[in-house]
Amino acid sequence: MKKAFVSVLAIAAALVAGLTIAQLGGRNSLTDGPRSPGEHGPFSATDFDRNGEVTRAEIDKFIVMGPERGVGMVAYFAKFDANDDQILDKAEVDTVKPEFAFDGSDANADGILTLEEVTAYANERLYRQMGLGAFFDLIDTNSDGIVSAEEIEPAHVSGQLPRG
């Protein structure tokens, strides 16, 4: 009983110090980044029926689940930068919904996001820059409303969609 109480006190002290439960478990989402949804990045996560293709309806559903996916990370950053200083301080970071919107962006692990950090992170993936709807349209080369394996592979080869 005493050991459990000490553990609770340690967790409470860490929380008061500004740490999150995720950080206590060894994962800091702002620095560690999102877990890979699969080989085809967001298209792996978006293929809800697991048939190897992503429809426009599936990508739209995925965007609704995380609104930052529709506009790109830099544009989404601006929504939370209340004082337009190109920095999301702790208070501003705490207002971000969904809370995973900027996972992986905090390059220096200080818990504060700068526009420079978010831009650098977004530049690693084209879909983070332009939003998934526009990216879907780019990858859907035959404009049939379905991104097939035949359309995803050239996106990998061209570097538009890194694997994993």
Protein backbone atom coordinates (compact mmCIF):
# COMPACT_ATOMS: atom_id res chain seq x y z
CA MET A 1 0.00 0.00 0.00
CA LYS A 2 2.81 2.38 0.90
CA LYS A 3 4.56 1.63 -2.41
CA ALA A 4 1.39 2.43 -4.40
CA PHE A 5 0.98 5.71 -2.51
CA VAL A 6 4.60 6.68 -3.28
CA SER A 7 4.00 5.92 -6.99
CA VAL A 8 0.89 8.10 -6.99
CA LEU A 9 2.87 10.91 -5.38
CA ALA A 10 5.64 10.57 -7.98
CA ILE A 11 3.13 10.76 -10.83
CA ALA A 12 1.41 13.74 -9.24
CA ALA A 13 4.75 15.55 -8.83
CA ALA A 14 5.62 14.87 -12.46
CA LEU A 15 2.25 16.19 -13.60
CA VAL A 16 2.70 19.32 -11.52
CA ALA A 17 6.10 19.73 -13.21
CA GLY A 18 4.28 19.86 -16.53
CA LEU A 19 4.85 16.35 -17.78
CA THR A 20 2.11 14.33 -19.41
CA ILE A 21 1.26 10.70 -18.76
CA ALA A 22 2.59 9.92 -22.26
CA GLN A 23 5.93 11.48 -21.34
CA LEU A 24 6.05 9.46 -18.13
CA GLY A 25 5.60 6.32 -20.21
CA GLY A 26 8.56 7.25 -22.36
CA ARG A 27 6.63 8.73 -25.29
CA ASN A 28 6.40 12.43 -25.95
CA SER A 29 4.12 12.81 -28.94
CA LEU A 30 5.29 16.33 -29.78
CA THR A 31 8.83 15.03 -30.29
CA ASP A 32 8.34 11.34 -31.16
CA GLY A 33 5.88 11.87 -33.96
CA PRO A 34 2.92 9.83 -35.05
CA ARG A 35 3.08 6.09 -35.14
CA SER A 36 3.27 4.91 -38.73
CA PRO A 37 -0.14 3.75 -39.91
CA GLY A 38 1.46 1.42 -42.45
CA GLU A 39 3.51 1.23 -45.61
CA HIS A 40 1.44 3.82 -47.48
CA GLY A 41 1.33 6.45 -44.74
CA PRO A 42 -2.10 8.06 -44.40
CA PHE A 43 -3.47 5.92 -47.22
CA SER A 44 -2.88 2.81 -45.08
CA ALA A 45 -4.87 4.35 -42.23
CA THR A 46 -7.57 5.62 -44.57
CA ASP A 47 -8.33 2.32 -46.28
CA PHE A 48 -11.10 1.51 -43.81
CA ASP A 49 -12.41 -1.54 -45.69
CA ARG A 50 -8.84 -2.85 -46.23
CA ASN A 51 -9.38 -3.56 -49.92
CA GLY A 52 -6.11 -1.94 -51.06
CA GLU A 53 -7.82 1.17 -52.46
CA VAL A 54 -8.82 4.48 -50.91
CA THR A 55 -12.01 6.16 -52.05
CA ARG A 56 -12.81 9.85 -51.82
CA ALA A 57 -15.41 8.97 -49.16
CA GLU A 58 -12.74 7.20 -47.07
CA ILE A 59 -10.31 10.13 -47.27
CA ASP A 60 -13.08 12.57 -46.39
CA LYS A 61 -14.03 10.44 -43.36
CA PHE A 62 -10.38 10.38 -42.27
CA ILE A 63 -10.14 14.18 -42.58
CA VAL A 64 -13.23 14.65 -40.39
CA MET A 65 -11.54 12.46 -37.72
CA GLY A 66 -8.61 14.93 -37.64
CA PRO A 67 -9.42 18.35 -39.11
CA GLU A 68 -5.75 19.31 -39.44
CA ARG A 69 -5.54 16.67 -42.15
CA GLY A 70 -7.67 18.79 -44.44
CA VAL A 71 -5.62 21.99 -44.44
CA GLY A 72 -2.01 21.07 -43.84
CA MET A 73 0.03 21.56 -40.69
CA VAL A 74 1.20 25.14 -41.24
CA ALA A 75 -2.31 26.46 -41.87
CA TYR A 76 -3.55 24.52 -38.86
CA PHE A 77 -0.75 26.00 -36.72
CA ALA A 78 -2.06 29.51 -37.49
CA LYS A 79 -5.46 28.62 -35.99
CA PHE A 80 -3.88 28.16 -32.55
CA ASP A 81 -1.28 30.95 -32.62
CA ALA A 82 -3.53 33.35 -30.70
CA ASN A 83 -1.03 36.22 -30.57
CA ASP A 84 0.43 35.68 -34.08
CA ASP A 85 4.00 35.41 -32.78
CA GLN A 86 4.77 32.22 -34.77
CA ILE A 87 5.11 30.30 -31.51
CA LEU A 88 2.67 28.00 -29.77
CA ASP A 89 3.55 28.35 -26.10
CA LYS A 90 2.40 25.78 -23.53
CA ALA A 91 -0.99 27.44 -23.07
CA GLU A 92 -1.59 27.53 -26.84
CA VAL A 93 -0.37 23.93 -27.30
CA ASP A 94 -2.88 22.89 -24.65
CA THR A 95 -5.73 24.27 -26.80
CA VAL A 96 -4.83 22.19 -29.88
CA LYS A 97 -7.56 19.78 -30.89
CA PRO A 98 -7.03 17.04 -31.70
CA GLU A 99 -4.09 16.89 -29.34
CA PHE A 100 -2.10 14.75 -31.79
CA ALA A 101 -2.26 17.33 -34.60
CA PHE A 102 1.39 18.37 -34.24
CA ASP A 103 2.91 15.05 -33.15
CA GLY A 104 6.57 14.94 -34.09
CA SER A 105 6.93 18.68 -34.70
CA ASP A 106 8.80 19.76 -31.56
CA ALA A 107 12.37 19.32 -32.85
CA ASN A 108 14.11 20.64 -29.74
CA ALA A 109 11.74 18.89 -27.30
CA ASP A 110 10.99 22.01 -25.27
CA GLY A 111 7.20 21.60 -25.31
CA ILE A 112 6.81 24.79 -27.35
CA LEU A 113 6.15 24.72 -31.09
CA THR A 114 7.53 27.29 -33.46
CA LEU A 115 6.28 27.90 -36.97
CA GLU A 116 9.80 27.06 -38.14
CA GLU A 117 9.64 23.62 -36.44
CA VAL A 118 6.19 22.83 -37.83
CA THR A 119 7.18 23.98 -41.32
CA ALA A 120 10.34 21.84 -41.29
CA TYR A 121 8.33 18.83 -40.12
CA ALA A 122 5.60 19.42 -42.72
CA ASN A 123 8.20 19.68 -45.47
CA GLU A 124 9.12 16.03 -44.86
CA ARG A 125 5.77 14.89 -46.32
CA LEU A 126 3.88 16.60 -49.16
CA TYR A 127 0.47 15.69 -47.71
CA ARG A 128 1.34 17.52 -44.48
CA GLN A 129 1.89 20.68 -46.52
CA MET A 130 -1.23 20.65 -48.66
CA GLY A 131 -3.77 18.61 -46.74
CA LEU A 132 -4.96 15.11 -47.54
CA GLY A 133 -7.89 16.08 -49.76
CA ALA A 134 -5.66 17.96 -52.21
CA PHE A 135 -3.04 15.23 -51.94
CA PHE A 136 -5.68 12.60 -52.73
CA ASP A 137 -6.61 14.57 -55.86
CA LEU A 138 -2.94 14.72 -56.88
CA ILE A 139 -2.41 10.97 -56.44
CA ASP A 140 -5.74 10.04 -58.09
CA THR A 141 -4.17 10.43 -61.53
CA ASN A 142 -7.18 9.10 -63.47
CA SER A 143 -9.63 11.23 -61.42
CA ASP A 144 -12.00 8.33 -60.73
CA GLY A 145 -12.35 9.09 -56.99
CA ILE A 146 -10.30 6.01 -56.04
CA VAL A 147 -6.60 5.85 -55.27
CA SER A 148 -5.52 2.38 -56.30
CA ALA A 149 -2.30 0.45 -55.70
CA GLU A 150 -1.35 1.35 -59.27
CA GLU A 151 -1.56 5.05 -58.36
CA ILE A 152 0.07 4.73 -54.94
CA GLU A 153 3.23 3.03 -56.23
CA PRO A 154 4.25 5.87 -58.59
CA ALA A 155 3.67 8.30 -55.71
CA HIS A 156 6.21 6.30 -53.69
CA VAL A 157 8.69 6.18 -56.58
CA SER A 158 8.41 9.94 -57.23
CA GLY A 159 8.93 10.77 -53.55
CA GLN A 160 5.48 12.33 -53.14
CA LEU A 161 4.54 9.58 -50.65
CA PRO A 162 7.43 8.15 -48.60
CA ARG A 163 6.98 4.58 -47.47
CA GLY A 164 5.98 4.09 -43.86
